[in-house]
């Protein structure tokens, strides 16, 4: 069953107002205050909507993040039941330091429609290739690159891989370098990275082990 458009419009408004609330703290060097402003706004606006909402992906457990925490109930408790995932201010450092890339994010689904994965590192891989069995998280880096090369009819040195620059990714980065794949190392979080225009121009995109 599709979600009523009136709710979609209301949820869009929630993120708009959260972004606006944090915007007054852009460049103020205080990521905690910027995050709190977005959280307070998002909670307040969610609680005005006639829904029975539950945060299934949020900012941690209640005792760890007394903001929009996992399991928190939102809405007026009068209306359809929704699971909700939020990141009121993704890219708190960007906002605090007046850098581009900060976002206010929300995802909604009917009850049971969102995978609850609190504080979880998940392996992710993405490319513009649509064919099945070209890339797979169960394949080695070498096999994925080989498959991509064959699918795109390009040599590995003509491929570009995007990956979050973190110590935990050292082995993957080293392997890509051995394969002569071009690297785009990013320090931004996933959502703000995949929306960049240059991504659309790459012959391939590889992203693995990013924080959900």
Protein backbone atom coordinates (compact mmCIF):
# COMPACT_ATOMS: atom_id res chain seq x y z
CA UNK A 1 0.00 0.00 0.00
CA UNK A 2 1.37 3.40 -0.97
CA UNK A 3 1.86 6.17 1.56
CA UNK A 4 -0.61 9.04 1.30
CA UNK A 5 0.98 12.02 -0.42
CA UNK A 6 -0.10 14.34 2.37
CA UNK A 7 2.24 12.49 4.72
CA UNK A 8 5.08 12.60 2.21
CA UNK A 9 4.66 16.37 1.95
CA UNK A 10 4.66 16.66 5.74
CA UNK A 11 7.84 14.60 6.06
CA UNK A 12 9.55 16.74 3.43
CA UNK A 13 8.58 19.77 5.48
CA UNK A 14 10.10 18.11 8.57
CA UNK A 15 13.51 17.85 6.92
CA UNK A 16 13.28 21.37 5.49
CA UNK A 17 12.66 22.83 8.91
CA UNK A 18 15.40 20.73 10.52
CA UNK A 19 17.86 21.95 7.89
CA UNK A 20 16.77 25.54 8.47
CA UNK A 21 17.14 25.19 12.24
CA UNK A 22 20.73 23.98 11.92
CA UNK A 23 21.57 26.55 9.26
CA UNK A 24 21.79 29.29 11.89
CA UNK A 25 24.78 27.44 13.34
CA UNK A 26 26.67 26.89 10.10
CA UNK A 27 30.28 27.93 10.52
CA UNK A 28 29.99 28.36 14.29
CA UNK A 29 32.43 25.50 15.01
CA UNK A 30 29.91 23.73 17.24
CA UNK A 31 28.71 20.50 15.63
CA UNK A 32 26.86 19.41 18.76
CA UNK A 33 24.78 22.57 18.84
CA UNK A 34 24.06 22.31 15.11
CA UNK A 35 22.98 18.69 15.51
CA UNK A 36 20.81 19.51 18.52
CA UNK A 37 19.05 22.29 16.63
CA UNK A 38 18.18 19.89 13.80
CA UNK A 39 17.09 17.16 16.22
CA UNK A 40 14.89 19.46 18.30
CA UNK A 41 13.22 20.80 15.19
CA UNK A 42 12.68 17.37 13.67
CA UNK A 43 11.20 15.94 16.85
CA UNK A 44 8.86 18.88 17.28
CA UNK A 45 7.61 18.71 13.71
CA UNK A 46 7.20 14.92 13.74
CA UNK A 47 5.12 15.16 16.87
CA UNK A 48 2.64 17.44 15.05
CA UNK A 49 1.83 14.83 12.41
CA UNK A 50 -1.16 12.53 12.85
CA UNK A 51 0.78 9.28 12.78
CA UNK A 52 1.92 6.52 15.10
CA UNK A 53 5.62 6.64 14.37
CA UNK A 54 8.58 4.77 15.80
CA UNK A 55 12.25 5.60 15.21
CA UNK A 56 13.88 2.36 14.07
CA UNK A 57 17.15 3.92 12.89
CA UNK A 58 18.20 6.98 14.85
CA UNK A 59 21.02 8.42 16.87
CA UNK A 60 21.62 5.47 19.16
CA UNK A 61 19.90 3.87 22.09
CA UNK A 62 18.04 5.98 24.66
CA UNK A 63 20.84 5.93 27.22
CA UNK A 64 23.45 6.76 24.57
CA UNK A 65 21.72 9.47 22.57
CA UNK A 66 18.81 11.17 24.30
CA UNK A 67 17.83 12.84 21.05
CA UNK A 68 15.85 10.99 18.38
CA UNK A 69 16.71 7.59 19.78
CA UNK A 70 15.92 4.11 18.56
CA UNK A 71 12.52 3.07 19.83
CA UNK A 72 11.29 6.62 20.40
CA UNK A 73 7.62 7.16 19.58
CA UNK A 74 6.75 10.21 17.51
CA UNK A 75 3.55 11.69 16.14
CA UNK A 76 0.18 12.36 17.74
CA UNK A 77 -0.47 8.61 18.19
CA UNK A 78 -3.51 9.06 15.98
CA UNK A 79 -3.14 7.78 12.43
CA UNK A 80 -1.24 5.21 10.37
CA UNK A 81 1.70 3.31 11.85
CA UNK A 82 5.11 4.11 10.38
CA UNK A 83 8.69 3.00 10.91
CA UNK A 84 11.03 5.96 10.59
CA UNK A 85 14.76 6.32 10.01
CA UNK A 86 16.33 9.70 10.67
CA UNK A 87 19.58 11.58 10.54
CA UNK A 88 18.53 15.13 11.44
CA UNK A 89 21.95 16.49 10.50
CA UNK A 90 24.17 14.20 8.47
CA UNK A 91 27.53 15.90 8.17
CA UNK A 92 27.68 17.76 11.47
CA UNK A 93 31.33 18.66 10.89
CA UNK A 94 30.47 20.14 7.51
CA UNK A 95 27.82 22.37 9.03
CA UNK A 96 30.05 23.40 11.92
CA UNK A 97 32.89 24.34 9.56
CA UNK A 98 30.79 25.97 6.83
CA UNK A 99 31.52 23.21 4.31
CA UNK A 100 29.12 21.83 1.69
CA UNK A 101 27.51 18.44 2.05
CA UNK A 102 25.40 18.57 5.22
CA UNK A 103 21.93 17.06 4.88
CA UNK A 104 18.78 16.48 6.86
CA UNK A 105 17.54 12.96 6.14
CA UNK A 106 14.39 10.98 6.83
CA UNK A 107 13.02 7.69 5.49
CA UNK A 108 9.58 6.30 6.21
CA UNK A 109 7.85 2.99 5.63
CA UNK A 110 4.86 1.07 6.84
CA UNK A 111 5.42 -0.95 9.99
CA UNK A 112 8.10 -3.55 9.42
CA UNK A 113 9.22 -1.95 6.17
CA UNK A 114 12.61 -0.72 7.37
CA UNK A 115 15.49 -2.90 8.43
CA UNK A 116 16.45 -1.98 11.97
CA UNK A 117 20.23 -1.77 12.08
CA UNK A 118 21.30 0.33 15.05
CA UNK A 119 24.97 1.32 15.21
CA UNK A 120 25.80 -1.09 12.40
CA UNK A 121 28.57 -1.07 9.84
CA UNK A 122 27.24 -2.49 6.61
CA UNK A 123 29.04 -3.46 3.46
CA UNK A 124 27.75 -1.59 0.43
CA UNK A 125 28.76 -1.62 -3.19
CA UNK A 126 27.27 0.37 -6.05
CA UNK A 127 27.86 0.84 -9.75
CA UNK A 128 25.87 2.08 -12.72
CA UNK A 129 26.05 -1.39 -14.31
CA UNK A 130 22.57 -2.91 -14.26
CA UNK A 131 23.38 -6.48 -15.27
CA UNK A 132 23.10 -9.15 -12.62
CA UNK A 133 26.12 -10.95 -11.17
CA UNK A 134 28.63 -8.32 -12.28
CA UNK A 135 29.37 -7.07 -8.77
CA UNK A 136 28.63 -8.75 -5.50
CA UNK A 137 29.67 -8.22 -1.89
CA UNK A 138 30.65 -11.88 -1.76
CA UNK A 139 33.15 -11.42 -4.60
CA UNK A 140 36.71 -10.35 -3.96
CA UNK A 141 37.78 -6.85 -4.93
CA UNK A 142 39.78 -8.36 -7.79
CA UNK A 143 36.80 -10.32 -9.09
CA UNK A 144 34.49 -7.29 -8.93
CA UNK A 145 36.99 -5.17 -10.86
CA UNK A 146 37.53 -7.92 -13.41
CA UNK A 147 33.78 -8.32 -13.91
CA UNK A 148 33.31 -4.56 -14.24
CA UNK A 149 36.13 -4.35 -16.76
CA UNK A 150 34.55 -7.08 -18.87
CA UNK A 151 31.06 -5.61 -18.59
CA UNK A 152 32.14 -2.08 -19.49
CA UNK A 153 34.81 -3.17 -21.96
CA UNK A 154 37.36 -1.06 -20.13
CA UNK A 155 40.72 -1.79 -18.55
CA UNK A 156 41.03 -1.47 -14.75
CA UNK A 157 43.12 1.69 -15.16
CA UNK A 158 40.11 3.27 -16.86
CA UNK A 159 37.85 2.55 -13.91
CA UNK A 160 37.42 4.83 -10.91
CA UNK A 161 36.48 3.55 -7.48
CA UNK A 162 35.04 5.76 -4.76
CA UNK A 163 35.63 4.65 -1.19
CA UNK A 164 35.46 6.19 2.24
CA UNK A 165 38.98 6.99 3.43
CA UNK A 166 39.13 5.09 6.71
CA UNK A 167 41.78 2.82 8.28
CA UNK A 168 39.36 -0.11 8.16
CA UNK A 169 39.38 0.14 4.37
CA UNK A 170 43.16 -0.06 3.98
CA UNK A 171 43.17 -3.57 2.53
CA UNK A 172 40.52 -2.69 -0.04
CA UNK A 173 42.36 0.49 -1.04
CA UNK A 174 45.66 -1.37 -1.32
CA UNK A 175 44.08 -4.03 -3.51
CA UNK A 176 42.51 -1.42 -5.81
CA UNK A 177 45.88 0.29 -6.17
CA UNK A 178 47.52 -3.01 -7.09
CA UNK A 179 44.89 -3.39 -9.80
CA UNK A 180 45.72 0.12 -11.10
CA UNK A 181 42.19 1.32 -10.50
CA UNK A 182 41.82 5.08 -10.13
CA UNK A 183 40.75 6.06 -6.64
CA UNK A 184 38.46 8.78 -5.38
CA UNK A 185 38.95 8.74 -1.61
CA UNK A 186 36.24 10.59 0.22
CA UNK A 187 35.92 11.63 3.84
CA UNK A 188 32.29 12.63 3.55
CA UNK A 189 29.48 10.39 4.64
CA UNK A 190 27.70 8.28 2.06
CA UNK A 191 24.60 10.30 1.24
CA UNK A 192 26.39 13.54 0.60
CA UNK A 193 28.94 11.75 -1.56
CA UNK A 194 26.71 9.82 -3.90
CA UNK A 195 24.72 12.90 -4.82
CA UNK A 196 27.74 14.76 -6.21
CA UNK A 197 27.64 15.45 -9.94
CA UNK A 198 31.00 13.84 -10.64
CA UNK A 199 29.58 10.51 -9.50
CA UNK A 200 27.21 10.51 -12.46
CA UNK A 201 30.14 10.75 -14.85
CA UNK A 202 32.15 7.83 -13.54
CA UNK A 203 32.34 4.67 -15.54
CA UNK A 204 32.02 2.78 -12.29
CA UNK A 205 31.52 3.48 -8.64
CA UNK A 206 32.64 1.24 -5.85
CA UNK A 207 31.65 1.98 -2.28
CA UNK A 208 32.15 -0.53 0.50
CA UNK A 209 31.92 -0.65 4.27
CA UNK A 210 30.31 2.71 4.84
CA UNK A 211 28.46 3.65 7.98
CA UNK A 212 24.72 3.31 7.67
